[in-house]
């Protein structure tokens, strides 16, 4: 047995405990596991194949894809930070047509569930990417079975509005979700991926849900800067980058908590939350569940441990079994009950 195969066998989760259904307003997402990969950390999944049984995960969340191929930003574009990393990749990718023909087809051929992450510089590009994906799914039953949801990365600068990040304005966020929803089959759930760099994340979440989002991914990276003191210059070529890793976890859990609390209070409609940000262990994932997430994504941990998504799933299943609960859904938001 190879080292990679040994790691997969050792990390195999008690999957039945993590079977989950995300109940959304326009339908439900049935997942083999409540643990998914995070967008941007493993391309379209095949890089993880030597280390992870991708079919055992809830889904591979693909790197955000745009209309045309992009080479991304200049180097250096990654920098290690205490308990995390900064990245300024610039949404490098093959473009939606090549993504469908090569990456999505590979996932379909290997029986791997996928959440397709899409991005755009303006609303028209978001809509165009969604339309192209819709046409491809409509024309291929195999691809349609593979894609379980579309995740809309609205943490992109809006070039039509002087670089304002869509997810930092309720109206702009809603406009993107509306445009994507109009180009997507109603049976295919749409998830809005939000930024923590806002004053009131519940307000952004509410705008997205009102515009037709079926669920929320909380959260994307937060903006940061690192200085190289030897060069006396920014560590990244474009100065700022997105901070991810364990340093982000308390921020991400806080965002999940606030949005779920708004749902419990009736301020927001009930919708599934997928938590992401600094998850390294099953107990890290459990924090998100107790705060209100119905599923989680594992991202940056995979750079040091490519088998992290499946390992975390196994650890989360073990924690759930130790709690004596039959399903993860019974513990979603449980920590709110401890607050008077």
Foldseek 3Di string as FASTA:
>chain_A
DDPLVVLQVVLAAPQQQAFDWFQFPLGIFTFSGLEEADAPFCALPPVLVSRYPLQNGRAYEHHAAWAAADQFDDPPAKADDVQWIFGRRHSGDHHLVVCVVPRLVVCLVSVGAYAYEYEDLALVGLLVSLLVLQVSCVVDVSSVVRYQAYEYEQQFFNVVPVGDRQQQDQVSLLSNLLSNCVNHDSHHAYEYEHALPYDANLSNVQSNVVSPHGEYEFYWFDKDWDADPVVRGTNGPVGIGGIAAQVCLVSRLVSLLRNVVCCVVVVHPDHAYETEGHDQALVSQLSSQLSAHSHYHHGPNCVVPVNRSSNRRRRVSVVCVVVVDSYSNVRRNNVVVVPD
